[in-house]
Amino acid sequence: MELRQLRYFTALAEELNFTRAAERLHISQPPLSAQIAQLEEELGVRLFDRTSRKVVLTDAGVAFLRDVRVIQNRLKEATQRVRNIHSGLAGRIEVGLSGSHFLGPLPDFIGALATTHPNIDVVLIEMAPNDQLEALREQRIDVSVSRQWIEDDWLCSHLLWPDPLVVAMPAQHRLAGSTALHLTELAHERFVMLRRETSLFAEQVYGACAARGFTPHVVQSVAEVPAQLSLVSAGLGIALVPASARRYPAPELVFCRLDEPQLTPSVHAVIRKDNQKAAVDTFVHRLAAYAQEADAAAL
């Protein structure tokens, strides 16, 4: 049994006239009659009663038409589904990210994407930045949203948005009224820092302090930016955090711009160079555009 035969059968069942059905199918009448006869022979039943005056469906033909329409509708859905996946309009994407990215434009973007692309299923997986890269190489995730720019034989990065560093401190801190601060002004402060072993970004912060002639006095090391902010809010020290951390709900915190040109981190989408999921490209490009529009609207 062929799909062509089912299409011919449906046309004849709806037209109940060989001439009209053949015209609808853009074929001549003899091939239509031959295909219907072959279908009936395969099924072992008569689907139509034919007379010189009319064509009518048999009871078996009525039942067969109902089932054929179900099959054809499912084929249409399957066809549209694979076309959507191929064009990046559908698919499942597993995204690795750290908790700090929930303070940026990503949550709003995920909500917007669910409206504009309801057939793209985004799964967010929280993990340390270095673990994200390992998971990406092992194909356990599809995208890493990261402050690390990676370009090697396997991975490549796409800029999403700039996220410069700011100094988070308690509102009563002696430097709280500053417009901008240099690292050297923080040399004698107590720091709440990210763990160096979990993030290249954290390593860069330590390196920048060393370049300014001091080793930060670290009172606590944590894995995530929200943990930094929580401890700073409790008065344990100060922290160098991305500007997006200003959205953290803690009125007792103040943020001051860090004036250090060599520390200008950005957020990137890191993907595999052999990525075959069109939905990943859709996700990355739309997230970058969404962040740019959001930044322009905030100006």
C-alpha atoms as a PDB file:
ATOM      1  CA  MET A   1       0.000   0.000   0.000  1.00  0.00           C
ATOM      2  CA  GLU A   2       1.384   3.393  -1.000  1.00  0.00           C
ATOM      3  CA  LEU A   3       0.671   6.907   0.229  1.00  0.00           C
ATOM      4  CA  ARG A   4      -0.251   7.776  -3.334  1.00  0.00           C
ATOM      5  CA  GLN A   5      -3.026   5.207  -3.248  1.00  0.00           C
ATOM      6  CA  LEU A   6      -4.386   6.695  -0.023  1.00  0.00           C
ATOM      7  CA  ARG A   7      -4.344  10.147  -1.591  1.00  0.00           C
ATOM      8  CA  TYR A   8      -6.204   8.857  -4.653  1.00  0.00           C
ATOM      9  CA  PHE A   9      -8.714   7.049  -2.458  1.00  0.00           C
ATOM     10  CA  THR A  10      -9.412  10.182  -0.391  1.00  0.00           C
ATOM     11  CA  ALA A  11      -9.956  12.297  -3.499  1.00  0.00           C
ATOM     12  CA  LEU A  12     -12.426   9.812  -4.952  1.00  0.00           C
ATOM     13  CA  ALA A  13     -14.177   9.322  -1.603  1.00  0.00           C
ATOM     14  CA  GLU A  14     -14.722  13.077  -1.331  1.00  0.00           C
ATOM     15  CA  GLU A  15     -15.688  13.683  -4.973  1.00  0.00           C
ATOM     16  CA  LEU A  16     -17.581  10.408  -5.578  1.00  0.00           C
ATOM     17  CA  ASN A  17     -16.857  10.958  -9.235  1.00  0.00           C
ATOM     18  CA  PHE A  18     -13.899   9.533 -11.155  1.00  0.00           C
ATOM     19  CA  THR A  19     -13.698  12.434 -13.592  1.00  0.00           C
ATOM     20  CA  ARG A  20     -13.704  15.149 -10.923  1.00  0.00           C
ATOM     21  CA  ALA A  21     -11.303  13.178  -8.707  1.00  0.00           C
ATOM     22  CA  ALA A  22      -8.878  12.714 -11.587  1.00  0.00           C
ATOM     23  CA  GLU A  23      -9.009  16.435 -12.404  1.00  0.00           C
ATOM     24  CA  ARG A  24      -8.362  17.278  -8.766  1.00  0.00           C
ATOM     25  CA  LEU A  25      -5.344  14.961  -8.747  1.00  0.00           C
ATOM     26  CA  HIS A  26      -4.103  16.273 -12.110  1.00  0.00           C
ATOM     27  CA  ILE A  27      -4.083  12.790 -13.652  1.00  0.00           C
ATOM     28  CA  SER A  28      -6.182  10.996 -16.218  1.00  0.00           C
ATOM     29  CA  GLN A  29      -9.025   8.708 -15.187  1.00  0.00           C
ATOM     30  CA  PRO A  30      -7.490   5.311 -16.134  1.00  0.00           C
ATOM     31  CA  PRO A  31      -4.536   5.548 -13.675  1.00  0.00           C
ATOM     32  CA  LEU A  32      -6.968   6.558 -10.931  1.00  0.00           C
ATOM     33  CA  SER A  33      -9.227   3.586 -11.641  1.00  0.00           C
ATOM     34  CA  ALA A  34      -6.212   1.277 -11.727  1.00  0.00           C
ATOM     35  CA  GLN A  35      -4.863   2.485  -8.375  1.00  0.00           C
ATOM     36  CA  ILE A  36      -8.253   2.182  -6.680  1.00  0.00           C
ATOM     37  CA  ALA A  37      -8.690  -1.330  -8.034  1.00  0.00           C
ATOM     38  CA  GLN A  38      -5.189  -2.268  -6.815  1.00  0.00           C
ATOM     39  CA  LEU A  39      -5.935  -0.854  -3.361  1.00  0.00           C
ATOM     40  CA  GLU A  40      -9.160  -2.824  -3.099  1.00  0.00           C
ATOM     41  CA  GLU A  41      -7.320  -5.970  -4.168  1.00  0.00           C
ATOM     42  CA  GLU A  42      -4.661  -5.472  -1.482  1.00  0.00           C
ATOM     43  CA  LEU A  43      -7.296  -4.884   1.187  1.00  0.00           C
ATOM     44  CA  GLY A  44      -9.507  -7.686  -0.012  1.00  0.00           C
ATOM     45  CA  VAL A  45     -12.652  -5.525   0.206  1.00  0.00           C
ATOM     46  CA  ARG A  46     -14.670  -3.254  -2.035  1.00  0.00           C
ATOM     47  CA  LEU A  47     -14.357   0.378  -1.019  1.00  0.00           C
ATOM     48  CA  PHE A  48     -16.756   1.750  -3.616  1.00  0.00           C
ATOM     49  CA  ASP A  49     -19.932   0.595  -5.281  1.00  0.00           C
ATOM     50  CA  ARG A  50     -19.838   1.727  -8.895  1.00  0.00           C
ATOM     51  CA  THR A  51     -22.701   2.000 -11.325  1.00  0.00           C
ATOM     52  CA  SER A  52     -22.995   3.774 -14.633  1.00  0.00           C
ATOM     53  CA  ARG A  53     -24.665   6.658 -12.850  1.00  0.00           C
ATOM     54  CA  LYS A  54     -22.856   7.078  -9.524  1.00  0.00           C
ATOM     55  CA  VAL A  55     -20.068   6.073  -7.176  1.00  0.00           C
ATOM     56  CA  VAL A  56     -20.763   5.511  -3.471  1.00  0.00           C
ATOM     57  CA  LEU A  57     -18.652   4.405  -0.552  1.00  0.00           C
ATOM     58  CA  THR A  58     -19.324   1.010   0.949  1.00  0.00           C
ATOM     59  CA  ASP A  59     -19.514   0.635   4.722  1.00  0.00           C
ATOM     60  CA  ALA A  60     -15.932  -0.597   4.618  1.00  0.00           C
ATOM     61  CA  GLY A  61     -14.998   2.423   2.517  1.00  0.00           C
ATOM     62  CA  VAL A  62     -16.542   4.815   5.057  1.00  0.00           C
ATOM     63  CA  ALA A  63     -14.570   3.218   7.888  1.00  0.00           C
ATOM     64  CA  PHE A  64     -11.380   3.204   5.816  1.00  0.00           C
ATOM     65  CA  LEU A  65     -11.787   6.896   4.920  1.00  0.00           C
ATOM     66  CA  ARG A  66     -12.026   7.820   8.594  1.00  0.00           C
ATOM     67  CA  ASP A  67      -8.795   5.997   9.427  1.00  0.00           C
ATOM     68  CA  VAL A  68      -6.986   7.281   6.331  1.00  0.00           C
ATOM     69  CA  ARG A  69      -7.787  10.867   7.291  1.00  0.00           C
ATOM     70  CA  VAL A  70      -6.255  10.264  10.732  1.00  0.00           C
ATOM     71  CA  ILE A  71      -3.107   8.887   9.080  1.00  0.00           C
ATOM     72  CA  GLN A  72      -2.907  11.793   6.640  1.00  0.00           C
ATOM     73  CA  ASN A  73      -3.321  14.364   9.410  1.00  0.00           C
ATOM     74  CA  ARG A  74      -0.546  12.744  11.420  1.00  0.00           C
ATOM     75  CA  LEU A  75       1.691  12.710   8.373  1.00  0.00           C
ATOM     76  CA  LYS A  76       1.029  16.419   7.872  1.00  0.00           C
ATOM     77  CA  GLU A  77       1.911  17.085  11.506  1.00  0.00           C
ATOM     78  CA  ALA A  78       5.070  14.981  11.242  1.00  0.00           C
ATOM     79  CA  THR A  79       6.071  16.764   8.046  1.00  0.00           C
ATOM     80  CA  GLN A  80       5.585  20.176   9.630  1.00  0.00           C
ATOM     81  CA  ARG A  81       7.440  19.084  12.757  1.00  0.00           C
ATOM     82  CA  VAL A  82      10.560  17.975  10.908  1.00  0.00           C
ATOM     83  CA  ARG A  83      10.474  21.114   8.769  1.00  0.00           C
ATOM     84  CA  ASN A  84      10.290  23.230  11.938  1.00  0.00           C
ATOM     85  CA  ILE A  85      13.209  21.353  13.458  1.00  0.00           C
ATOM     86  CA  HIS A  86      15.232  21.744  10.269  1.00  0.00           C
ATOM     87  CA  SER A  87      14.541  25.501  10.142  1.00  0.00           C
ATOM     88  CA  GLY A  88      15.236  26.069  13.856  1.00  0.00           C
ATOM     89  CA  LEU A  89      11.601  26.638  14.839  1.00  0.00           C
ATOM     90  CA  ALA A  90      11.365  23.543  17.023  1.00  0.00           C
ATOM     91  CA  GLY A  91      13.546  21.247  19.072  1.00  0.00           C
ATOM     92  CA  ARG A  92      14.944  20.632  22.552  1.00  0.00           C
ATOM     93  CA  ILE A  93      17.903  22.697  23.783  1.00  0.00           C
ATOM     94  CA  GLU A  94      19.777  22.004  27.005  1.00  0.00           C
ATOM     95  CA  VAL A  95      21.480  25.156  28.271  1.00  0.00           C
ATOM     96  CA  GLY A  96      24.160  25.163  30.949  1.00  0.00           C
ATOM     97  CA  LEU A  97      24.473  28.333  33.025  1.00  0.00           C
ATOM     98  CA  SER A  98      25.422  29.648  36.440  1.00  0.00           C
ATOM     99  CA  GLY A  99      23.012  31.245  38.893  1.00  0.00           C
ATOM    100  CA  SER A 100      24.227  34.776  38.161  1.00  0.00           C
ATOM    101  CA  HIS A 101      22.685  34.674  34.683  1.00  0.00           C
ATOM    102  CA  PHE A 102      19.214  34.615  36.205  1.00  0.00           C
ATOM    103  CA  LEU A 103      19.921  38.230  37.206  1.00  0.00           C
ATOM    104  CA  GLY A 104      20.411  39.320  33.580  1.00  0.00           C
ATOM    105  CA  PRO A 105      18.101  39.380  30.553  1.00  0.00           C
ATOM    106  CA  LEU A 106      17.962  35.593  30.199  1.00  0.00           C
ATOM    107  CA  PRO A 107      14.783  34.885  32.238  1.00  0.00           C
ATOM    108  CA  ASP A 108      12.758  37.500  30.334  1.00  0.00           C
ATOM    109  CA  PHE A 109      14.118  36.147  27.051  1.00  0.00           C
ATOM    110  CA  ILE A 110      13.078  32.580  27.922  1.00  0.00           C
ATOM    111  CA  GLY A 111       9.558  33.841  28.583  1.00  0.00           C
ATOM    112  CA  ALA A 112       9.485  35.742  25.293  1.00  0.00           C
ATOM    113  CA  LEU A 113      10.859  32.759  23.368  1.00  0.00           C
ATOM    114  CA  ALA A 114       8.135  30.528  24.779  1.00  0.00           C
ATOM    115  CA  THR A 115       5.615  32.879  23.171  1.00  0.00           C
ATOM    116  CA  THR A 116       7.300  33.386  19.797  1.00  0.00           C
ATOM    117  CA  HIS A 117       8.700  29.846  19.439  1.00  0.00           C
ATOM    118  CA  PRO A 118       6.470  27.545  21.513  1.00  0.00           C
ATOM    119  CA  ASN A 119       7.933  24.444  19.850  1.00  0.00           C
ATOM    120  CA  ILE A 120      11.449  25.142  21.121  1.00  0.00           C
ATOM    121  CA  ASP A 121      11.833  23.396  24.471  1.00  0.00           C
ATOM    122  CA  VAL A 122      14.577  25.086  26.526  1.00  0.00           C
ATOM    123  CA  VAL A 123      15.949  23.168  29.510  1.00  0.00           C
ATOM    124  CA  LEU A 124      18.108  25.249  31.887  1.00  0.00           C
ATOM    125  CA  ILE A 125      20.775  23.345  33.826  1.00  0.00           C
ATOM    126  CA  GLU A 126      22.690  25.146  36.580  1.00  0.00           C
ATOM    127  CA  MET A 127      26.347  24.173  36.854  1.00  0.00           C
ATOM    128  CA  ALA A 128      29.737  25.734  37.463  1.00  0.00           C
ATOM    129  CA  PRO A 129      31.290  27.466  34.404  1.00  0.00           C
ATOM    130  CA  ASN A 130      34.126  24.971  33.997  1.00  0.00           C
ATOM    131  CA  ASP A 131      31.693  22.078  34.353  1.00  0.00           C
ATOM    132  CA  GLN A 132      29.590  23.600  31.570  1.00  0.00           C
ATOM    133  CA  LEU A 133      32.498  23.427  29.140  1.00  0.00           C
ATOM    134  CA  GLU A 134      33.162  19.812  30.016  1.00  0.00           C
ATOM    135  CA  ALA A 135      29.466  18.987  29.578  1.00  0.00           C
ATOM    136  CA  LEU A 136      29.460  20.809  26.242  1.00  0.00           C
ATOM    137  CA  ARG A 137      32.433  18.833  24.942  1.00  0.00           C
ATOM    138  CA  GLU A 138      30.771  15.606  26.078  1.00  0.00           C
ATOM    139  CA  GLN A 139      27.515  16.650  24.347  1.00  0.00           C
ATOM    140  CA  ARG A 140      25.538  16.584  27.600  1.00  0.00           C
ATOM    141  CA  ILE A 141      24.390  20.174  26.941  1.00  0.00           C
ATOM    142  CA  ASP A 142      23.953  22.154  23.743  1.00  0.00           C
ATOM    143  CA  VAL A 143      24.849  25.691  24.868  1.00  0.00           C
ATOM    144  CA  SER A 144      26.906  27.195  27.671  1.00  0.00           C
ATOM    145  CA  VAL A 145      25.948  30.724  28.718  1.00  0.00           C
ATOM    146  CA  SER A 146      29.279  31.846  30.077  1.00  0.00           C
ATOM    147  CA  ARG A 147      31.586  34.759  30.825  1.00  0.00           C
ATOM    148  CA  GLN A 148      34.405  32.729  29.326  1.00  0.00           C
ATOM    149  CA  TRP A 149      35.319  33.290  25.693  1.00  0.00           C
ATOM    150  CA  ILE A 150      36.326  29.926  24.249  1.00  0.00           C
ATOM    151  CA  GLU A 151      37.667  29.279  20.770  1.00  0.00           C
ATOM    152  CA  ASP A 152      39.385  25.940  20.178  1.00  0.00           C
ATOM    153  CA  ASP A 153      39.169  22.890  17.931  1.00  0.00           C
ATOM    154  CA  TRP A 154      35.783  21.891  19.361  1.00  0.00           C
ATOM    155  CA  LEU A 155      34.069  24.986  20.749  1.00  0.00           C
ATOM    156  CA  CYS A 156      33.299  28.505  19.578  1.00  0.00           C
ATOM    157  CA  SER A 157      31.788  31.558  21.271  1.00  0.00           C
ATOM    158  CA  HIS A 158      29.194  34.147  20.259  1.00  0.00           C
ATOM    159  CA  LEU A 159      28.947  37.471  22.069  1.00  0.00           C
ATOM    160  CA  LEU A 160      25.577  37.925  23.785  1.00  0.00           C
ATOM    161  CA  TRP A 161      25.926  41.122  25.835  1.00  0.00           C
ATOM    162  CA  PRO A 162      28.555  43.107  27.787  1.00  0.00           C
ATOM    163  CA  ASP A 163      28.390  42.698  31.571  1.00  0.00           C
ATOM    164  CA  PRO A 164      31.131  44.890  33.104  1.00  0.00           C
ATOM    165  CA  LEU A 165      32.290  44.472  36.672  1.00  0.00           C
ATOM    166  CA  VAL A 166      30.966  46.536  39.549  1.00  0.00           C
ATOM    167  CA  VAL A 167      31.895  46.627  43.231  1.00  0.00           C
ATOM    168  CA  ALA A 168      29.135  45.372  45.523  1.00  0.00           C
ATOM    169  CA  MET A 169      29.317  46.650  49.092  1.00  0.00           C
ATOM    170  CA  PRO A 170      27.058  47.294  52.081  1.00  0.00           C
ATOM    171  CA  ALA A 171      25.248  50.633  51.944  1.00  0.00           C
ATOM    172  CA  GLN A 172      27.138  51.840  55.038  1.00  0.00           C
ATOM    173  CA  HIS A 173      30.579  51.076  53.579  1.00  0.00           C
ATOM    174  CA  ARG A 174      33.034  53.989  53.559  1.00  0.00           C
ATOM    175  CA  LEU A 175      33.301  53.803  49.728  1.00  0.00           C
ATOM    176  CA  ALA A 176      29.574  53.543  49.136  1.00  0.00           C
ATOM    177  CA  GLY A 177      29.316  57.091  47.782  1.00  0.00           C
ATOM    178  CA  SER A 178      32.013  56.638  45.130  1.00  0.00           C
ATOM    179  CA  THR A 179      31.200  57.099  41.460  1.00  0.00           C
ATOM    180  CA  ALA A 180      33.937  54.751  40.258  1.00  0.00           C
ATOM    181  CA  LEU A 181      36.680  52.762  41.930  1.00  0.00           C
ATOM    182  CA  HIS A 182      40.054  51.359  40.886  1.00  0.00           C
ATOM    183  CA  LEU A 183      41.330  48.004  42.069  1.00  0.00           C
ATOM    184  CA  THR A 184      44.148  49.670  43.980  1.00  0.00           C
ATOM    185  CA  GLU A 185      41.576  51.422  46.166  1.00  0.00           C
ATOM    186  CA  LEU A 186      40.300  47.998  47.224  1.00  0.00           C
ATOM    187  CA  ALA A 187      43.672  46.500  48.166  1.00  0.00           C
ATOM    188  CA  HIS A 188      42.932  46.492  51.909  1.00  0.00           C
ATOM    189  CA  GLU A 189      39.302  45.379  51.674  1.00  0.00           C
ATOM    190  CA  ARG A 190      37.858  42.047  52.710  1.00  0.00           C
ATOM    191  CA  PHE A 191      36.644  40.158  49.647  1.00  0.00           C
ATOM    192  CA  VAL A 192      33.932  37.598  49.052  1.00  0.00           C
ATOM    193  CA  MET A 193      35.225  35.887  45.908  1.00  0.00           C
ATOM    194  CA  LEU A 194      34.201  33.183  43.483  1.00  0.00           C
ATOM    195  CA  ARG A 195      36.201  29.972  43.719  1.00  0.00           C
ATOM    196  CA  ARG A 196      39.145  30.063  41.346  1.00  0.00           C
ATOM    197  CA  GLU A 197      38.889  26.367  40.507  1.00  0.00           C
ATOM    198  CA  THR A 198      35.334  26.674  39.176  1.00  0.00           C
ATOM    199  CA  SER A 199      35.663  29.607  36.793  1.00  0.00           C
ATOM    200  CA  LEU A 200      38.207  31.146  34.439  1.00  0.00           C
ATOM    201  CA  PHE A 201      36.426  34.445  35.072  1.00  0.00           C
ATOM    202  CA  ALA A 202      37.289  34.218  38.793  1.00  0.00           C
ATOM    203  CA  GLU A 203      40.886  33.461  37.860  1.00  0.00           C
ATOM    204  CA  GLN A 204      40.978  36.620  35.749  1.00  0.00           C
ATOM    205  CA  VAL A 205      39.815  38.711  38.707  1.00  0.00           C
ATOM    206  CA  TYR A 206      42.614  37.319  40.866  1.00  0.00           C
ATOM    207  CA  GLY A 207      45.085  37.982  38.063  1.00  0.00           C
ATOM    208  CA  ALA A 208      43.942  41.601  37.740  1.00  0.00           C
ATOM    209  CA  CYS A 209      44.459  42.148  41.474  1.00  0.00           C
ATOM    210  CA  ALA A 210      47.940  40.665  41.246  1.00  0.00           C
ATOM    211  CA  ALA A 211      48.717  42.978  38.322  1.00  0.00           C
ATOM    212  CA  ARG A 212      47.808  45.919  40.577  1.00  0.00           C
ATOM    213  CA  GLY A 213      50.268  44.709  43.214  1.00  0.00           C
ATOM    214  CA  PHE A 214      48.112  42.987  45.803  1.00  0.00           C
ATOM    215  CA  THR A 215      46.535  39.673  46.664  1.00  0.00           C
ATOM    216  CA  PRO A 216      42.901  40.071  47.721  1.00  0.00           C
ATOM    217  CA  HIS A 217      42.134  39.290  51.344  1.00  0.00           C
ATOM    218  CA  VAL A 218      39.462  36.655  50.817  1.00  0.00           C
ATOM    219  CA  VAL A 219      37.174  36.002  53.771  1.00  0.00           C
ATOM    220  CA  GLN A 220      34.832  33.652  51.920  1.00  0.00           C
ATOM    221  CA  SER A 221      34.974  31.747  48.638  1.00  0.00           C
ATOM    222  CA  VAL A 222      31.692  30.704  47.038  1.00  0.00           C
ATOM    223  CA  ALA A 223      30.505  29.120  43.792  1.00  0.00           C
ATOM    224  CA  GLU A 224      27.858  31.599  42.667  1.00  0.00           C
ATOM    225  CA  VAL A 225      27.348  35.365  42.398  1.00  0.00           C
ATOM    226  CA  PRO A 226      24.056  35.317  44.383  1.00  0.00           C
ATOM    227  CA  ALA A 227      25.991  33.746  47.264  1.00  0.00           C
ATOM    228  CA  GLN A 228      28.543  36.552  47.029  1.00  0.00           C
ATOM    229  CA  LEU A 229      25.805  39.164  47.216  1.00  0.00           C
ATOM    230  CA  SER A 230      24.113  37.474  50.136  1.00  0.00           C
ATOM    231  CA  LEU A 231      27.358  37.483  52.163  1.00  0.00           C
ATOM    232  CA  VAL A 232      28.191  41.068  51.204  1.00  0.00           C
ATOM    233  CA  SER A 233      24.687  42.061  52.241  1.00  0.00           C
ATOM    234  CA  ALA A 234      25.405  40.453  55.619  1.00  0.00           C
ATOM    235  CA  GLY A 235      28.473  42.691  56.010  1.00  0.00           C
ATOM    236  CA  LEU A 236      31.252  40.162  55.475  1.00  0.00           C
ATOM    237  CA  GLY A 237      33.074  42.249  52.870  1.00  0.00           C
ATOM    238  CA  ILE A 238      32.881  43.491  49.309  1.00  0.00           C
ATOM    239  CA  ALA A 239      32.660  41.620  46.005  1.00  0.00           C
ATOM    240  CA  LEU A 240      33.484  42.174  42.350  1.00  0.00           C
ATOM    241  CA  VAL A 241      30.394  41.084  40.447  1.00  0.00           C
ATOM    242  CA  PRO A 242      28.844  41.585  36.988  1.00  0.00           C
ATOM    243  CA  ALA A 243      26.720  44.695  36.505  1.00  0.00           C
ATOM    244  CA  SER A 244      23.643  42.498  36.004  1.00  0.00           C
ATOM    245  CA  ALA A 245      23.917  41.687  39.733  1.00  0.00           C
ATOM    246  CA  ARG A 246      22.315  45.082  40.393  1.00  0.00           C
ATOM    247  CA  ARG A 247      18.987  43.307  39.899  1.00  0.00           C
ATOM    248  CA  TYR A 248      19.637  41.281  43.056  1.00  0.00           C
ATOM    249  CA  PRO A 249      16.845  42.131  45.524  1.00  0.00           C
ATOM    250  CA  ALA A 250      18.861  43.546  48.436  1.00  0.00           C
ATOM    251  CA  PRO A 251      18.242  47.229  49.257  1.00  0.00           C
ATOM    252  CA  GLU A 252      21.102  47.197  51.766  1.00  0.00           C
ATOM    253  CA  LEU A 253      23.593  46.765  48.908  1.00  0.00           C
ATOM    254  CA  VAL A 254      25.128  49.490  46.746  1.00  0.00           C
ATOM    255  CA  PHE A 255      27.067  49.054  43.525  1.00  0.00           C
ATOM    256  CA  CYS A 256      29.905  51.154  42.220  1.00  0.00           C
ATOM    257  CA  ARG A 257      31.443  51.050  38.757  1.00  0.00           C
ATOM    258  CA  LEU A 258      34.880  49.438  38.591  1.00  0.00           C
ATOM    259  CA  ASP A 259      37.223  51.485  36.409  1.00  0.00           C
ATOM    260  CA  GLU A 260      39.566  48.777  35.146  1.00  0.00           C
ATOM    261  CA  PRO A 261      39.786  48.552  31.325  1.00  0.00           C
ATOM    262  CA  GLN A 262      41.416  45.113  31.432  1.00  0.00           C
ATOM    263  CA  LEU A 263      38.412  43.722  33.305  1.00  0.00           C
ATOM    264  CA  THR A 264      35.502  44.178  30.900  1.00  0.00           C
ATOM    265  CA  PRO A 265      33.731  40.814  30.929  1.00  0.00           C
ATOM    266  CA  SER A 266      30.929  39.925  28.571  1.00  0.00           C
ATOM    267  CA  VAL A 267      28.461  37.068  28.402  1.00  0.00           C
ATOM    268  CA  HIS A 268      28.864  34.573  25.583  1.00  0.00           C
ATOM    269  CA  ALA A 269      27.039  31.615  24.145  1.00  0.00           C
ATOM    270  CA  VAL A 270      29.530  28.774  23.757  1.00  0.00           C
ATOM    271  CA  ILE A 271      28.506  25.969  21.397  1.00  0.00           C
ATOM    272  CA  ARG A 272      30.167  23.038  19.654  1.00  0.00           C
ATOM    273  CA  LYS A 273      31.536  23.716  16.206  1.00  0.00           C
ATOM    274  CA  ASP A 274      29.859  20.541  14.978  1.00  0.00           C
ATOM    275  CA  ASN A 275      26.444  21.616  16.268  1.00  0.00           C
ATOM    276  CA  GLN A 276      23.688  20.184  14.060  1.00  0.00           C
ATOM    277  CA  LYS A 277      20.663  21.606  15.893  1.00  0.00           C
ATOM    278  CA  ALA A 278      19.161  24.524  14.005  1.00  0.00           C
ATOM    279  CA  ALA A 279      17.208  25.438  17.154  1.00  0.00           C
ATOM    280  CA  VAL A 280      20.528  26.182  18.895  1.00  0.00           C
ATOM    281  CA  ASP A 281      21.353  28.788  16.251  1.00  0.00           C
ATOM    282  CA  THR A 282      17.880  30.286  16.663  1.00  0.00           C
ATOM    283  CA  PHE A 283      18.330  30.423  20.447  1.00  0.00           C
ATOM    284  CA  VAL A 284      21.767  32.079  20.274  1.00  0.00           C
ATOM    285  CA  HIS A 285      20.902  34.675  17.640  1.00  0.00           C
ATOM    286  CA  ARG A 286      17.582  35.619  19.208  1.00  0.00           C
ATOM    287  CA  LEU A 287      19.097  35.882  22.701  1.00  0.00           C
ATOM    288  CA  ALA A 288      21.816  38.228  21.427  1.00  0.00           C
ATOM    289  CA  ALA A 289      19.236  40.379  19.612  1.00  0.00           C
ATOM    290  CA  TYR A 290      16.924  40.407  22.634  1.00  0.00           C
ATOM    291  CA  ALA A 291      19.725  41.527  24.963  1.00  0.00           C
ATOM    292  CA  GLN A 292      20.746  44.278  22.526  1.00  0.00           C
ATOM    293  CA  GLU A 293      17.161  45.541  22.277  1.00  0.00           C
ATOM    294  CA  ALA A 294      16.760  45.439  26.057  1.00  0.00           C
ATOM    295  CA  ASP A 295      20.006  47.376  26.513  1.00  0.00           C
ATOM    296  CA  ALA A 296      18.913  50.007  23.959  1.00  0.00           C
ATOM    297  CA  ALA A 297      15.535  50.383  25.657  1.00  0.00           C
ATOM    298  CA  ALA A 298      17.273  50.967  29.006  1.00  0.00           C
ATOM    299  CA  LEU A 299      19.334  53.887  27.664  1.00  0.00           C
END
